[in-house]
Amino acid sequence: MHVELSEKRYYGIGEVAKAFSVNTSLIRFWEKEFDVIQPKKNAKGDRKFTQEDIKNLELIYHLVKERGFTLEGAKIHLKEKKHQILDNFELIRKLETVKTELLKIKKHL
């Protein structure tokens, strides 16, 4: 999954949930379950997610929703192989972007 968010410093939980096509409750749940997601909160308690949080959410989404990991399995996998997963995940994202661009070019031919 490639998340389309405009370049900003912080994102609200509604924006994040919409980008991932999930409910805000799932984002809050993952925040509680995974230590790597630590959004900042303003005085009202609104969550503000950084680019790093978005990247971690993408990784969690990939493991849980796309690869079918359990939450415990995803936690263990993240702790043991986070660097390797990030490298592979970044490569997959770049290849998906290239594929999308190639399909656009093919459509215009």
N, C-alpha and C. Protein backbone atom coordinates (compact mmCIF):
# COMPACT_ATOMS: atom_id res chain seq x y z
N MET A 1 0.84 -1.18 0.00
CA MET A 1 0.00 0.00 0.00
C MET A 1 0.88 1.23 0.00
N HIS A 2 0.54 2.14 -0.86
CA HIS A 2 1.26 3.41 -0.91
C HIS A 2 0.32 4.50 -0.42
N VAL A 3 0.72 5.19 0.63
CA VAL A 3 -0.13 6.20 1.25
C VAL A 3 0.13 7.54 0.58
N GLU A 4 -0.95 8.19 0.16
CA GLU A 4 -0.85 9.51 -0.47
C GLU A 4 -1.22 10.59 0.55
N LEU A 5 -0.22 11.26 1.08
CA LEU A 5 -0.43 12.38 1.98
C LEU A 5 0.41 13.55 1.49
N SER A 6 -0.14 14.74 1.60
CA SER A 6 0.63 15.92 1.20
C SER A 6 1.79 16.09 2.17
N GLU A 7 2.81 16.81 1.72
CA GLU A 7 3.99 17.02 2.56
C GLU A 7 3.68 18.04 3.64
N LYS A 8 3.55 17.55 4.86
CA LYS A 8 3.32 18.41 6.01
C LYS A 8 4.18 17.90 7.16
N ARG A 9 4.32 18.73 8.16
CA ARG A 9 5.08 18.30 9.33
C ARG A 9 4.25 17.36 10.20
N TYR A 10 2.96 17.69 10.38
CA TYR A 10 2.08 16.88 11.22
C TYR A 10 0.78 16.58 10.50
N TYR A 11 0.22 15.42 10.80
CA TYR A 11 -1.05 14.98 10.23
C TYR A 11 -2.01 14.63 11.35
N GLY A 12 -3.27 15.00 11.19
CA GLY A 12 -4.30 14.63 12.15
C GLY A 12 -4.68 13.17 11.98
N ILE A 13 -5.32 12.62 13.00
CA ILE A 13 -5.69 11.21 12.95
C ILE A 13 -6.71 10.93 11.85
N GLY A 14 -7.58 11.89 11.56
CA GLY A 14 -8.55 11.71 10.49
C GLY A 14 -7.88 11.59 9.13
N GLU A 15 -6.87 12.43 8.89
CA GLU A 15 -6.12 12.37 7.64
C GLU A 15 -5.42 11.03 7.49
N VAL A 16 -4.82 10.59 8.58
CA VAL A 16 -4.07 9.33 8.56
C VAL A 16 -5.01 8.16 8.30
N ALA A 17 -6.13 8.13 9.01
CA ALA A 17 -7.09 7.04 8.84
C ALA A 17 -7.62 7.01 7.41
N LYS A 18 -7.91 8.18 6.86
CA LYS A 18 -8.42 8.24 5.49
C LYS A 18 -7.37 7.75 4.49
N ALA A 19 -6.11 8.12 4.71
CA ALA A 19 -5.03 7.70 3.81
C ALA A 19 -4.86 6.18 3.81
N PHE A 20 -5.08 5.55 4.95
CA PHE A 20 -4.94 4.10 5.06
C PHE A 20 -6.26 3.36 4.82
N SER A 21 -7.34 4.11 4.63
CA SER A 21 -8.69 3.53 4.44
C SER A 21 -9.09 2.64 5.62
N VAL A 22 -8.84 3.14 6.82
CA VAL A 22 -9.22 2.43 8.04
C VAL A 22 -9.93 3.41 8.97
N ASN A 23 -10.51 2.90 10.04
CA ASN A 23 -11.15 3.74 11.04
C ASN A 23 -10.10 4.37 11.95
N THR A 24 -10.45 5.52 12.52
CA THR A 24 -9.53 6.17 13.45
C THR A 24 -9.29 5.29 14.68
N SER A 25 -10.28 4.49 15.03
CA SER A 25 -10.12 3.61 16.19
C SER A 25 -9.00 2.59 15.98
N LEU A 26 -8.81 2.14 14.74
CA LEU A 26 -7.72 1.21 14.46
C LEU A 26 -6.37 1.90 14.63
N ILE A 27 -6.27 3.14 14.19
CA ILE A 27 -5.02 3.89 14.36
C ILE A 27 -4.72 4.06 15.85
N ARG A 28 -5.74 4.42 16.64
CA ARG A 28 -5.54 4.57 18.09
C ARG A 28 -5.14 3.23 18.72
N PHE A 29 -5.76 2.14 18.26
CA PHE A 29 -5.43 0.82 18.78
C PHE A 29 -3.99 0.47 18.49
N TRP A 30 -3.57 0.67 17.23
CA TRP A 30 -2.18 0.38 16.89
C TRP A 30 -1.22 1.25 17.68
N GLU A 31 -1.61 2.48 17.95
CA GLU A 31 -0.76 3.37 18.75
C GLU A 31 -0.52 2.76 20.14
N LYS A 32 -1.55 2.17 20.72
CA LYS A 32 -1.42 1.55 22.04
C LYS A 32 -0.60 0.26 21.97
N GLU A 33 -0.75 -0.48 20.89
CA GLU A 33 -0.12 -1.78 20.77
C GLU A 33 1.36 -1.72 20.35
N PHE A 34 1.72 -0.74 19.54
CA PHE A 34 3.07 -0.67 18.99
C PHE A 34 3.81 0.56 19.54
N ASP A 35 4.94 0.32 20.17
CA ASP A 35 5.73 1.40 20.77
C ASP A 35 6.32 2.36 19.74
N VAL A 36 6.46 1.92 18.49
CA VAL A 36 7.09 2.76 17.48
C VAL A 36 6.20 3.91 17.02
N ILE A 37 4.91 3.83 17.33
CA ILE A 37 3.99 4.91 16.97
C ILE A 37 3.80 5.80 18.19
N GLN A 38 4.33 7.01 18.11
CA GLN A 38 4.25 7.93 19.22
C GLN A 38 3.88 9.33 18.72
N PRO A 39 2.60 9.52 18.39
CA PRO A 39 2.22 10.85 17.90
C PRO A 39 2.30 11.88 19.02
N LYS A 40 2.55 13.10 18.63
CA LYS A 40 2.55 14.18 19.60
C LYS A 40 1.10 14.55 19.85
N LYS A 41 0.83 15.09 21.02
CA LYS A 41 -0.54 15.52 21.34
C LYS A 41 -0.51 16.99 21.71
N ASN A 42 -1.52 17.73 21.22
CA ASN A 42 -1.59 19.14 21.56
C ASN A 42 -2.32 19.29 22.90
N ALA A 43 -2.57 20.53 23.31
CA ALA A 43 -3.20 20.78 24.60
C ALA A 43 -4.59 20.15 24.71
N LYS A 44 -5.30 20.06 23.59
CA LYS A 44 -6.63 19.45 23.59
C LYS A 44 -6.56 17.93 23.59
N GLY A 45 -5.39 17.36 23.34
CA GLY A 45 -5.24 15.91 23.29
C GLY A 45 -5.33 15.34 21.89
N ASP A 46 -5.43 16.22 20.88
CA ASP A 46 -5.47 15.75 19.49
C ASP A 46 -4.13 15.18 19.10
N ARG A 47 -4.16 14.05 18.44
CA ARG A 47 -2.93 13.40 17.99
C ARG A 47 -2.41 14.08 16.73
N LYS A 48 -1.10 14.27 16.68
CA LYS A 48 -0.43 14.82 15.50
C LYS A 48 0.68 13.85 15.11
N PHE A 49 0.50 13.21 13.97
CA PHE A 49 1.43 12.20 13.51
C PHE A 49 2.51 12.81 12.63
N THR A 50 3.75 12.39 12.84
CA THR A 50 4.89 12.86 12.06
C THR A 50 5.12 11.93 10.87
N GLN A 51 6.04 12.31 9.99
CA GLN A 51 6.40 11.46 8.86
C GLN A 51 6.91 10.10 9.36
N GLU A 52 7.67 10.11 10.44
CA GLU A 52 8.19 8.86 11.01
C GLU A 52 7.05 7.96 11.48
N ASP A 53 6.03 8.56 12.11
CA ASP A 53 4.87 7.79 12.53
C ASP A 53 4.15 7.18 11.33
N ILE A 54 4.03 7.96 10.26
CA ILE A 54 3.37 7.48 9.05
C ILE A 54 4.13 6.30 8.46
N LYS A 55 5.45 6.42 8.43
CA LYS A 55 6.28 5.33 7.90
C LYS A 55 6.10 4.07 8.74
N ASN A 56 6.06 4.22 10.06
CA ASN A 56 5.85 3.06 10.93
C ASN A 56 4.46 2.48 10.76
N LEU A 57 3.45 3.33 10.59
CA LEU A 57 2.09 2.85 10.34
C LEU A 57 2.01 2.09 9.02
N GLU A 58 2.71 2.58 8.01
CA GLU A 58 2.74 1.87 6.72
C GLU A 58 3.34 0.47 6.91
N LEU A 59 4.39 0.40 7.68
CA LEU A 59 5.04 -0.88 7.93
C LEU A 59 4.12 -1.83 8.69
N ILE A 60 3.45 -1.32 9.71
CA ILE A 60 2.52 -2.14 10.48
C ILE A 60 1.35 -2.58 9.61
N TYR A 61 0.83 -1.66 8.81
CA TYR A 61 -0.27 -2.00 7.90
C TYR A 61 0.17 -3.12 6.95
N HIS A 62 1.37 -2.99 6.42
CA HIS A 62 1.89 -4.00 5.50
C HIS A 62 1.96 -5.37 6.18
N LEU A 63 2.51 -5.41 7.38
CA LEU A 63 2.66 -6.68 8.08
C LEU A 63 1.32 -7.29 8.46
N VAL A 64 0.43 -6.47 9.02
CA VAL A 64 -0.82 -6.99 9.56
C VAL A 64 -1.88 -7.20 8.48
N LYS A 65 -2.10 -6.20 7.65
CA LYS A 65 -3.20 -6.27 6.68
C LYS A 65 -2.81 -6.98 5.38
N GLU A 66 -1.60 -6.76 4.91
CA GLU A 66 -1.21 -7.32 3.63
C GLU A 66 -0.55 -8.69 3.75
N ARG A 67 0.28 -8.87 4.78
CA ARG A 67 0.96 -10.15 4.92
C ARG A 67 0.29 -11.08 5.91
N GLY A 68 -0.71 -10.60 6.65
CA GLY A 68 -1.49 -11.45 7.53
C GLY A 68 -0.86 -11.80 8.86
N PHE A 69 0.08 -10.98 9.33
CA PHE A 69 0.69 -11.23 10.63
C PHE A 69 -0.33 -10.96 11.74
N THR A 70 -0.19 -11.69 12.84
CA THR A 70 -0.94 -11.33 14.04
C THR A 70 -0.26 -10.12 14.65
N LEU A 71 -0.92 -9.46 15.59
CA LEU A 71 -0.30 -8.30 16.23
C LEU A 71 0.98 -8.71 16.95
N GLU A 72 0.93 -9.83 17.66
CA GLU A 72 2.13 -10.30 18.36
C GLU A 72 3.23 -10.65 17.38
N GLY A 73 2.86 -11.30 16.29
CA GLY A 73 3.85 -11.65 15.27
C GLY A 73 4.48 -10.41 14.66
N ALA A 74 3.67 -9.39 14.42
CA ALA A 74 4.18 -8.15 13.85
C ALA A 74 5.11 -7.46 14.84
N LYS A 75 4.76 -7.47 16.11
CA LYS A 75 5.63 -6.85 17.14
C LYS A 75 6.98 -7.54 17.18
N ILE A 76 6.96 -8.86 17.20
CA ILE A 76 8.21 -9.62 17.24
C ILE A 76 9.03 -9.36 15.98
N HIS A 77 8.37 -9.40 14.85
CA HIS A 77 9.05 -9.19 13.57
C HIS A 77 9.68 -7.80 13.52
N LEU A 78 8.97 -6.79 14.01
CA LEU A 78 9.51 -5.43 14.03
C LEU A 78 10.73 -5.32 14.93
N LYS A 79 10.67 -5.95 16.10
CA LYS A 79 11.80 -5.86 17.04
C LYS A 79 13.04 -6.56 16.49
N GLU A 80 12.84 -7.72 15.87
CA GLU A 80 13.97 -8.52 15.43
C GLU A 80 14.57 -8.06 14.11
N LYS A 81 13.73 -7.62 13.19
CA LYS A 81 14.22 -7.38 11.84
C LYS A 81 13.80 -6.03 11.29
N LYS A 82 13.65 -5.02 12.13
CA LYS A 82 13.11 -3.74 11.66
C LYS A 82 13.95 -3.14 10.54
N HIS A 83 15.26 -3.17 10.66
CA HIS A 83 16.11 -2.57 9.64
C HIS A 83 15.93 -3.28 8.30
N GLN A 84 15.94 -4.60 8.32
CA GLN A 84 15.77 -5.38 7.09
C GLN A 84 14.38 -5.15 6.49
N ILE A 85 13.36 -5.11 7.33
CA ILE A 85 12.00 -4.88 6.86
C ILE A 85 11.88 -3.51 6.21
N LEU A 86 12.46 -2.50 6.85
CA LEU A 86 12.40 -1.15 6.29
C LEU A 86 13.06 -1.08 4.92
N ASP A 87 14.22 -1.72 4.78
CA ASP A 87 14.90 -1.73 3.49
C ASP A 87 14.03 -2.39 2.41
N ASN A 88 13.47 -3.54 2.74
CA ASN A 88 12.61 -4.26 1.79
C ASN A 88 11.35 -3.46 1.47
N PHE A 89 10.78 -2.87 2.51
CA PHE A 89 9.55 -2.11 2.33
C PHE A 89 9.79 -0.88 1.46
N GLU A 90 10.90 -0.19 1.68
CA GLU A 90 11.23 0.97 0.84
C GLU A 90 11.42 0.54 -0.61
N LEU A 91 12.07 -0.58 -0.82
CA LEU A 91 12.27 -1.09 -2.18
C LEU A 91 10.93 -1.40 -2.84
N ILE A 92 10.03 -2.04 -2.11
CA ILE A 92 8.71 -2.35 -2.64
C ILE A 92 7.95 -1.08 -3.00
N ARG A 93 8.01 -0.09 -2.14
CA ARG A 93 7.33 1.18 -2.41
C ARG A 93 7.88 1.85 -3.67
N LYS A 94 9.18 1.83 -3.84
CA LYS A 94 9.79 2.43 -5.03
C LYS A 94 9.37 1.68 -6.28
N LEU A 95 9.35 0.36 -6.20
CA LEU A 95 8.93 -0.44 -7.36
C LEU A 95 7.46 -0.20 -7.71
N GLU A 96 6.62 -0.04 -6.69
CA GLU A 96 5.21 0.26 -6.95
C GLU A 96 5.06 1.61 -7.63
N THR A 97 5.87 2.58 -7.23
CA THR A 97 5.84 3.90 -7.85
C THR A 97 6.27 3.81 -9.31
N VAL A 98 7.32 3.05 -9.58
CA VAL A 98 7.79 2.86 -10.94
C VAL A 98 6.71 2.17 -11.78
N LYS A 99 6.08 1.16 -11.21
CA LYS A 99 5.02 0.44 -11.91
C LYS A 99 3.87 1.38 -12.26
N THR A 100 3.47 2.21 -11.32
CA THR A 100 2.39 3.17 -11.56
C THR A 100 2.74 4.12 -12.69
N GLU A 101 3.96 4.62 -12.68
CA GLU A 101 4.39 5.55 -13.73
C GLU A 101 4.44 4.85 -15.10
N LEU A 102 4.92 3.63 -15.12
CA LEU A 102 4.97 2.88 -16.38
C LEU A 102 3.57 2.61 -16.93
N LEU A 103 2.63 2.31 -16.03
CA LEU A 103 1.26 2.09 -16.48
C LEU A 103 0.64 3.37 -17.03
N LYS A 104 0.98 4.51 -16.44
CA LYS A 104 0.50 5.80 -16.96
C LYS A 104 1.05 6.04 -18.36
N ILE A 105 2.33 5.75 -18.54
CA ILE A 105 2.95 5.94 -19.85
C ILE A 105 2.30 5.01 -20.88
N LYS A 106 2.08 3.76 -20.48
CA LYS A 106 1.45 2.79 -21.38
C LYS A 106 0.06 3.25 -21.79
N LYS A 107 -0.68 3.81 -20.85
CA LYS A 107 -2.03 4.29 -21.14
C LYS A 107 -2.03 5.42 -22.13
N HIS A 108 -1.00 6.28 -22.10
CA HIS A 108 -0.91 7.42 -23.01
C HIS A 108 -0.39 7.05 -24.40
N LEU A 109 0.11 5.84 -24.55
CA LEU A 109 0.64 5.43 -25.87
C LEU A 109 -0.45 5.02 -26.81
